[in-house]
Amino acid sequence: MSREKVVFKINGYWKDDNTSFEDYIVVKDEYHEFDDAEFCDNQIFFYGMSEDFIKNQIKLNYHNSLDFVIEDYKVIK
């Protein structure tokens, strides 16, 4: 039985210099579990982000534990 792959695009900015980014691809699965012909490793920005994690990081805004701030996201797969 194959698991459904969950893929998101996030928009936000880097905390160190406020440089914005758009459409960075993140996936729910960890690196070793993710295998999808549509996306190759160098297209994926971050592994292991669930939708709940992303929503929480948006709520935390600048005070999250990441080097960047997620402002919004969309599910693409």
PDB file of N, CA and C in Angstrom:
ATOM      1  N   MET A   1       0.849  -1.183   0.000  1.00  0.00           N
ATOM      2  CA  MET A   1       0.000   0.000   0.000  1.00  0.00           C
ATOM      3  C   MET A   1       0.889   1.238   0.000  1.00  0.00           C
ATOM      4  N   SER A   2       0.681   2.110  -0.938  1.00  0.00           N
ATOM      5  CA  SER A   2       1.517   3.300  -1.047  1.00  0.00           C
ATOM      6  C   SER A   2       0.899   4.457  -0.261  1.00  0.00           C
ATOM      7  N   ARG A   3       1.765   5.189   0.418  1.00  0.00           N
ATOM      8  CA  ARG A   3       1.304   6.347   1.186  1.00  0.00           C
ATOM      9  C   ARG A   3       1.177   7.546   0.271  1.00  0.00           C
ATOM     10  N   GLU A   4       0.217   8.403   0.595  1.00  0.00           N
ATOM     11  CA  GLU A   4       0.056   9.627  -0.169  1.00  0.00           C
ATOM     12  C   GLU A   4       1.194  10.589   0.164  1.00  0.00           C
ATOM     13  N   LYS A   5       1.795  11.155  -0.845  1.00  0.00           N
ATOM     14  CA  LYS A   5       2.844  12.151  -0.649  1.00  0.00           C
ATOM     15  C   LYS A   5       2.200  13.519  -0.474  1.00  0.00           C
ATOM     16  N   VAL A   6       2.693  14.287   0.484  1.00  0.00           N
ATOM     17  CA  VAL A   6       2.152  15.617   0.719  1.00  0.00           C
ATOM     18  C   VAL A   6       3.254  16.631   0.424  1.00  0.00           C
ATOM     19  N   VAL A   7       2.958  17.537  -0.500  1.00  0.00           N
ATOM     20  CA  VAL A   7       3.935  18.522  -0.953  1.00  0.00           C
ATOM     21  C   VAL A   7       3.298  19.908  -0.841  1.00  0.00           C
ATOM     22  N   PHE A   8       4.086  20.875  -0.348  1.00  0.00           N
ATOM     23  CA  PHE A   8       3.615  22.248  -0.163  1.00  0.00           C
ATOM     24  C   PHE A   8       4.569  23.216  -0.861  1.00  0.00           C
ATOM     25  N   LYS A   9       4.053  24.395  -1.172  1.00  0.00           N
ATOM     26  CA  LYS A   9       4.896  25.526  -1.556  1.00  0.00           C
ATOM     27  C   LYS A   9       4.727  26.566  -0.463  1.00  0.00           C
ATOM     28  N   ILE A  10       5.861  27.082   0.015  1.00  0.00           N
ATOM     29  CA  ILE A  10       5.813  28.103   1.065  1.00  0.00           C
ATOM     30  C   ILE A  10       6.389  29.417   0.544  1.00  0.00           C
ATOM     31  N   ASN A  11       5.903  30.493   1.116  1.00  0.00           N
ATOM     32  CA  ASN A  11       6.421  31.838   0.853  1.00  0.00           C
ATOM     33  C   ASN A  11       6.813  32.446   2.186  1.00  0.00           C
ATOM     34  N   GLY A  12       7.851  33.248   2.174  1.00  0.00           N
ATOM     35  CA  GLY A  12       8.279  33.880   3.407  1.00  0.00           C
ATOM     36  C   GLY A  12       9.532  34.706   3.208  1.00  0.00           C
ATOM     37  N   TYR A  13      10.330  34.799   4.272  1.00  0.00           N
ATOM     38  CA  TYR A  13      11.576  35.566   4.178  1.00  0.00           C
ATOM     39  C   TYR A  13      12.599  35.018   5.171  1.00  0.00           C
ATOM     40  N   TRP A  14      13.863  35.297   4.867  1.00  0.00           N
ATOM     41  CA  TRP A  14      14.978  34.887   5.723  1.00  0.00           C
ATOM     42  C   TRP A  14      15.118  35.882   6.870  1.00  0.00           C
ATOM     43  N   LYS A  15      15.325  35.382   8.070  1.00  0.00           N
ATOM     44  CA  LYS A  15      15.437  36.245   9.249  1.00  0.00           C
ATOM     45  C   LYS A  15      16.689  37.121   9.230  1.00  0.00           C
ATOM     46  N   ASP A  16      17.782  36.598   8.696  1.00  0.00           N
ATOM     47  CA  ASP A  16      19.047  37.341   8.785  1.00  0.00           C
ATOM     48  C   ASP A  16      19.087  38.610   7.946  1.00  0.00           C
ATOM     49  N   ASP A  17      18.438  38.600   6.788  1.00  0.00           N
ATOM     50  CA  ASP A  17      18.516  39.796   5.938  1.00  0.00           C
ATOM     51  C   ASP A  17      17.165  40.209   5.342  1.00  0.00           C
ATOM     52  N   ASN A  18      16.103  39.570   5.784  1.00  0.00           N
ATOM     53  CA  ASN A  18      14.740  39.875   5.322  1.00  0.00           C
ATOM     54  C   ASN A  18      14.524  39.656   3.832  1.00  0.00           C
ATOM     55  N   THR A  19      15.385  38.872   3.194  1.00  0.00           N
ATOM     56  CA  THR A  19      15.202  38.542   1.788  1.00  0.00           C
ATOM     57  C   THR A  19      14.007  37.605   1.654  1.00  0.00           C
ATOM     58  N   SER A  20      13.073  37.968   0.785  1.00  0.00           N
ATOM     59  CA  SER A  20      11.879  37.154   0.636  1.00  0.00           C
ATOM     60  C   SER A  20      12.133  35.998  -0.336  1.00  0.00           C
ATOM     61  N   PHE A  21      11.304  34.978  -0.209  1.00  0.00           N
ATOM     62  CA  PHE A  21      11.323  33.850  -1.134  1.00  0.00           C
ATOM     63  C   PHE A  21       9.897  33.425  -1.419  1.00  0.00           C
ATOM     64  N   GLU A  22       9.707  32.790  -2.576  1.00  0.00           N
ATOM     65  CA  GLU A  22       8.387  32.325  -2.992  1.00  0.00           C
ATOM     66  C   GLU A  22       8.482  30.922  -3.559  1.00  0.00           C
ATOM     67  N   ASP A  23       7.448  30.167  -3.320  1.00  0.00           N
ATOM     68  CA  ASP A  23       7.275  28.851  -3.928  1.00  0.00           C
ATOM     69  C   ASP A  23       8.396  27.862  -3.621  1.00  0.00           C
ATOM     70  N   TYR A  24       8.958  27.937  -2.428  1.00  0.00           N
ATOM     71  CA  TYR A  24       9.918  26.924  -1.999  1.00  0.00           C
ATOM     72  C   TYR A  24       9.139  25.639  -1.713  1.00  0.00           C
ATOM     73  N   ILE A  25       9.602  24.538  -2.236  1.00  0.00           N
ATOM     74  CA  ILE A  25       8.911  23.265  -2.089  1.00  0.00           C
ATOM     75  C   ILE A  25       9.360  22.566  -0.814  1.00  0.00           C
ATOM     76  N   VAL A  26       8.388  22.194   0.006  1.00  0.00           N
ATOM     77  CA  VAL A  26       8.649  21.417   1.209  1.00  0.00           C
ATOM     78  C   VAL A  26       7.748  20.188   1.183  1.00  0.00           C
ATOM     79  N   VAL A  27       8.220  19.116   1.818  1.00  0.00           N
ATOM     80  CA  VAL A  27       7.455  17.874   1.821  1.00  0.00           C
ATOM     81  C   VAL A  27       7.275  17.370   3.241  1.00  0.00           C
ATOM     82  N   LYS A  28       6.178  16.649   3.438  1.00  0.00           N
ATOM     83  CA  LYS A  28       5.875  16.109   4.750  1.00  0.00           C
ATOM     84  C   LYS A  28       6.838  14.993   5.128  1.00  0.00           C
ATOM     85  N   ASP A  29       7.190  14.150   4.170  1.00  0.00           N
ATOM     86  CA  ASP A  29       8.034  12.991   4.445  1.00  0.00           C
ATOM     87  C   ASP A  29       9.478  13.381   4.693  1.00  0.00           C
ATOM     88  N   GLU A  30      10.132  12.587   5.495  1.00  0.00           N
ATOM     89  CA  GLU A  30      11.574  12.736   5.683  1.00  0.00           C
ATOM     90  C   GLU A  30      12.273  12.347   4.387  1.00  0.00           C
ATOM     91  N   TYR A  31      13.497  12.760   4.222  1.00  0.00           N
ATOM     92  CA  TYR A  31      14.261  12.525   3.002  1.00  0.00           C
ATOM     93  C   TYR A  31      14.264  11.052   2.593  1.00  0.00           C
ATOM     94  N   HIS A  32      14.561  10.177   3.520  1.00  0.00           N
ATOM     95  CA  HIS A  32      14.692   8.765   3.166  1.00  0.00           C
ATOM     96  C   HIS A  32      13.361   8.099   2.828  1.00  0.00           C
ATOM     97  N   GLU A  33      12.239   8.735   3.162  1.00  0.00           N
ATOM     98  CA  GLU A  33      10.928   8.170   2.866  1.00  0.00           C
ATOM     99  C   GLU A  33      10.310   8.757   1.601  1.00  0.00           C
ATOM    100  N   PHE A  34      10.827   9.867   1.123  1.00  0.00           N
ATOM    101  CA  PHE A  34      10.203  10.569   0.002  1.00  0.00           C
ATOM    102  C   PHE A  34      10.775  10.070  -1.316  1.00  0.00           C
ATOM    103  N   ASP A  35       9.908   9.612  -2.160  1.00  0.00           N
ATOM    104  CA  ASP A  35      10.306   9.137  -3.476  1.00  0.00           C
ATOM    105  C   ASP A  35       9.194   9.497  -4.445  1.00  0.00           C
ATOM    106  N   ASP A  36       9.454  10.439  -5.318  1.00  0.00           N
ATOM    107  CA  ASP A  36       8.421  10.909  -6.220  1.00  0.00           C
ATOM    108  C   ASP A  36       9.081  11.309  -7.529  1.00  0.00           C
ATOM    109  N   ALA A  37       8.602  10.760  -8.628  1.00  0.00           N
ATOM    110  CA  ALA A  37       9.195  11.036  -9.938  1.00  0.00           C
ATOM    111  C   ALA A  37       9.002  12.492 -10.353  1.00  0.00           C
ATOM    112  N   GLU A  38       8.009  13.174  -9.792  1.00  0.00           N
ATOM    113  CA  GLU A  38       7.722  14.547 -10.183  1.00  0.00           C
ATOM    114  C   GLU A  38       8.711  15.549  -9.599  1.00  0.00           C
ATOM    115  N   PHE A  39       9.306  15.222  -8.462  1.00  0.00           N
ATOM    116  CA  PHE A  39      10.224  16.137  -7.794  1.00  0.00           C
ATOM    117  C   PHE A  39      11.564  15.457  -7.568  1.00  0.00           C
ATOM    118  N   CYS A  40      12.642  16.151  -7.877  1.00  0.00           N
ATOM    119  CA  CYS A  40      13.960  15.618  -7.572  1.00  0.00           C
ATOM    120  C   CYS A  40      14.507  16.339  -6.340  1.00  0.00           C
ATOM    121  N   ASP A  41      15.519  15.765  -5.736  1.00  0.00           N
ATOM    122  CA  ASP A  41      16.053  16.265  -4.476  1.00  0.00           C
ATOM    123  C   ASP A  41      16.455  17.737  -4.525  1.00  0.00           C
ATOM    124  N   ASN A  42      17.045  18.177  -5.621  1.00  0.00           N
ATOM    125  CA  ASN A  42      17.510  19.567  -5.651  1.00  0.00           C
ATOM    126  C   ASN A  42      16.375  20.577  -5.819  1.00  0.00           C
ATOM    127  N   GLN A  43      15.138  20.122  -6.033  1.00  0.00           N
ATOM    128  CA  GLN A  43      13.990  21.018  -6.085  1.00  0.00           C
ATOM    129  C   GLN A  43      13.367  21.223  -4.708  1.00  0.00           C
ATOM    130  N   ILE A  44      13.672  20.339  -3.774  1.00  0.00           N
ATOM    131  CA  ILE A  44      13.012  20.355  -2.474  1.00  0.00           C
ATOM    132  C   ILE A  44      13.848  21.147  -1.475  1.00  0.00           C
ATOM    133  N   PHE A  45      13.226  22.132  -0.887  1.00  0.00           N
ATOM    134  CA  PHE A  45      13.885  23.014   0.061  1.00  0.00           C
ATOM    135  C   PHE A  45      13.992  22.382   1.444  1.00  0.00           C
ATOM    136  N   PHE A  46      12.947  21.697   1.896  1.00  0.00           N
ATOM    137  CA  PHE A  46      12.919  21.202   3.268  1.00  0.00           C
ATOM    138  C   PHE A  46      12.095  19.923   3.333  1.00  0.00           C
ATOM    139  N   TYR A  47      12.611  18.947   4.030  1.00  0.00           N
ATOM    140  CA  TYR A  47      11.907  17.680   4.258  1.00  0.00           C
ATOM    141  C   TYR A  47      11.359  17.641   5.685  1.00  0.00           C
ATOM    142  N   GLY A  48      10.219  16.994   5.852  1.00  0.00           N
ATOM    143  CA  GLY A  48       9.692  16.736   7.184  1.00  0.00           C
ATOM    144  C   GLY A  48       8.795  17.822   7.748  1.00  0.00           C
ATOM    145  N   MET A  49       8.120  18.607   6.902  1.00  0.00           N
ATOM    146  CA  MET A  49       7.194  19.647   7.371  1.00  0.00           C
ATOM    147  C   MET A  49       5.762  19.201   7.118  1.00  0.00           C
ATOM    148  N   SER A  50       5.047  18.947   8.179  1.00  0.00           N
ATOM    149  CA  SER A  50       3.625  18.627   8.039  1.00  0.00           C
ATOM    150  C   SER A  50       2.832  19.927   7.919  1.00  0.00           C
ATOM    151  N   GLU A  51       1.585  19.810   7.529  1.00  0.00           N
ATOM    152  CA  GLU A  51       0.748  20.997   7.427  1.00  0.00           C
ATOM    153  C   GLU A  51       0.555  21.639   8.803  1.00  0.00           C
ATOM    154  N   ASP A  52       0.397  20.827   9.845  1.00  0.00           N
ATOM    155  CA  ASP A  52       0.262  21.375  11.199  1.00  0.00           C
ATOM    156  C   ASP A  52       1.525  22.131  11.615  1.00  0.00           C
ATOM    157  N   PHE A  53       2.695  21.590  11.267  1.00  0.00           N
ATOM    158  CA  PHE A  53       3.954  22.265  11.581  1.00  0.00           C
ATOM    159  C   PHE A  53       4.017  23.622  10.880  1.00  0.00           C
ATOM    160  N   ILE A  54       3.665  23.649   9.594  1.00  0.00           N
ATOM    161  CA  ILE A  54       3.695  24.896   8.829  1.00  0.00           C
ATOM    162  C   ILE A  54       2.750  25.924   9.449  1.00  0.00           C
ATOM    163  N   LYS A  55       1.531  25.498   9.775  1.00  0.00           N
ATOM    164  CA  LYS A  55       0.561  26.420  10.385  1.00  0.00           C
ATOM    165  C   LYS A  55       1.092  26.979  11.699  1.00  0.00           C
ATOM    166  N   ASN A  56       1.732  26.135  12.489  1.00  0.00           N
ATOM    167  CA  ASN A  56       2.294  26.593  13.757  1.00  0.00           C
ATOM    168  C   ASN A  56       3.424  27.605  13.535  1.00  0.00           C
ATOM    169  N   GLN A  57       4.273  27.366  12.554  1.00  0.00           N
ATOM    170  CA  GLN A  57       5.364  28.293  12.257  1.00  0.00           C
ATOM    171  C   GLN A  57       4.826  29.643  11.788  1.00  0.00           C
ATOM    172  N   ILE A  58       3.728  29.626  11.035  1.00  0.00           N
ATOM    173  CA  ILE A  58       3.099  30.878  10.609  1.00  0.00           C
ATOM    174  C   ILE A  58       2.598  31.642  11.827  1.00  0.00           C
ATOM    175  N   LYS A  59       1.972  30.933  12.764  1.00  0.00           N
ATOM    176  CA  LYS A  59       1.481  31.579  13.994  1.00  0.00           C
ATOM    177  C   LYS A  59       2.623  32.176  14.807  1.00  0.00           C
ATOM    178  N   LEU A  60       3.736  31.445  14.897  1.00  0.00           N
ATOM    179  CA  LEU A  60       4.879  31.920  15.672  1.00  0.00           C
ATOM    180  C   LEU A  60       5.590  33.079  15.001  1.00  0.00           C
ATOM    181  N   ASN A  61       5.411  33.205  13.684  1.00  0.00           N
ATOM    182  CA  ASN A  61       6.002  34.267  12.894  1.00  0.00           C
ATOM    183  C   ASN A  61       7.517  34.311  13.115  1.00  0.00           C
ATOM    184  N   TYR A  62       8.048  35.460  13.478  1.00  0.00           N
ATOM    185  CA  TYR A  62       9.500  35.630  13.623  1.00  0.00           C
ATOM    186  C   TYR A  62      10.064  34.806  14.783  1.00  0.00           C
ATOM    187  N   HIS A  63       9.237  34.427  15.726  1.00  0.00           N
ATOM    188  CA  HIS A  63       9.695  33.732  16.934  1.00  0.00           C
ATOM    189  C   HIS A  63       9.734  32.213  16.772  1.00  0.00           C
ATOM    190  N   ASN A  64       9.706  31.735  15.551  1.00  0.00           N
ATOM    191  CA  ASN A  64       9.789  30.297  15.329  1.00  0.00           C
ATOM    192  C   ASN A  64      11.230  29.828  15.497  1.00  0.00           C
ATOM    193  N   SER A  65      11.452  28.528  15.398  1.00  0.00           N
ATOM    194  CA  SER A  65      12.785  27.955  15.612  1.00  0.00           C
ATOM    195  C   SER A  65      13.592  27.815  14.323  1.00  0.00           C
ATOM    196  N   LEU A  66      13.086  28.334  13.228  1.00  0.00           N
ATOM    197  CA  LEU A  66      13.738  28.213  11.927  1.00  0.00           C
ATOM    198  C   LEU A  66      14.585  29.449  11.621  1.00  0.00           C
ATOM    199  N   ASP A  67      15.377  29.376  10.562  1.00  0.00           N
ATOM    200  CA  ASP A  67      16.167  30.520  10.100  1.00  0.00           C
ATOM    201  C   ASP A  67      15.361  31.430   9.180  1.00  0.00           C
ATOM    202  N   PHE A  68      14.128  31.082   8.962  1.00  0.00           N
ATOM    203  CA  PHE A  68      13.259  31.823   8.057  1.00  0.00           C
ATOM    204  C   PHE A  68      11.851  31.879   8.642  1.00  0.00           C
ATOM    205  N   VAL A  69      11.060  32.804   8.100  1.00  0.00           N
ATOM    206  CA  VAL A  69       9.676  32.982   8.520  1.00  0.00           C
ATOM    207  C   VAL A  69       8.775  32.539   7.372  1.00  0.00           C
ATOM    208  N   ILE A  70       7.811  31.692   7.681  1.00  0.00           N
ATOM    209  CA  ILE A  70       6.826  31.274   6.687  1.00  0.00           C
ATOM    210  C   ILE A  70       5.628  32.208   6.817  1.00  0.00           C
ATOM    211  N   GLU A  71       5.269  32.846   5.718  1.00  0.00           N
ATOM    212  CA  GLU A  71       4.139  33.771   5.736  1.00  0.00           C
ATOM    213  C   GLU A  71       2.857  33.115   5.230  1.00  0.00           C
ATOM    214  N   ASP A  72       2.964  32.241   4.238  1.00  0.00           N
ATOM    215  CA  ASP A  72       1.807  31.499   3.760  1.00  0.00           C
ATOM    216  C   ASP A  72       2.282  30.263   3.006  1.00  0.00           C
ATOM    217  N   TYR A  73       1.329  29.423   2.674  1.00  0.00           N
ATOM    218  CA  TYR A  73       1.648  28.162   2.006  1.00  0.00           C
ATOM    219  C   TYR A  73       0.444  27.699   1.202  1.00  0.00           C
ATOM    220  N   LYS A  74       0.688  26.731   0.334  1.00  0.00           N
ATOM    221  CA  LYS A  74      -0.417  26.056  -0.346  1.00  0.00           C
ATOM    222  C   LYS A  74      -0.022  24.600  -0.568  1.00  0.00           C
ATOM    223  N   VAL A  75      -0.996  23.750  -0.544  1.00  0.00           N
ATOM    224  CA  VAL A  75      -0.796  22.327  -0.812  1.00  0.00           C
ATOM    225  C   VAL A  75      -0.764  22.166  -2.327  1.00  0.00           C
ATOM    226  N   ILE A  76       0.282  21.522  -2.839  1.00  0.00           N
ATOM    227  CA  ILE A  76       0.333  21.314  -4.296  1.00  0.00           C
ATOM    228  C   ILE A  76       0.175  19.845  -4.666  1.00  0.00           C
ATOM    229  N   LYS A  77       0.268  18.961  -3.693  1.00  0.00           N
ATOM    230  CA  LYS A  77       0.081  17.540  -3.993  1.00  0.00           C
ATOM    231  C   LYS A  77      -0.254  16.793  -2.743  1.00  0.00           C
TER     232      LYS A  77
END
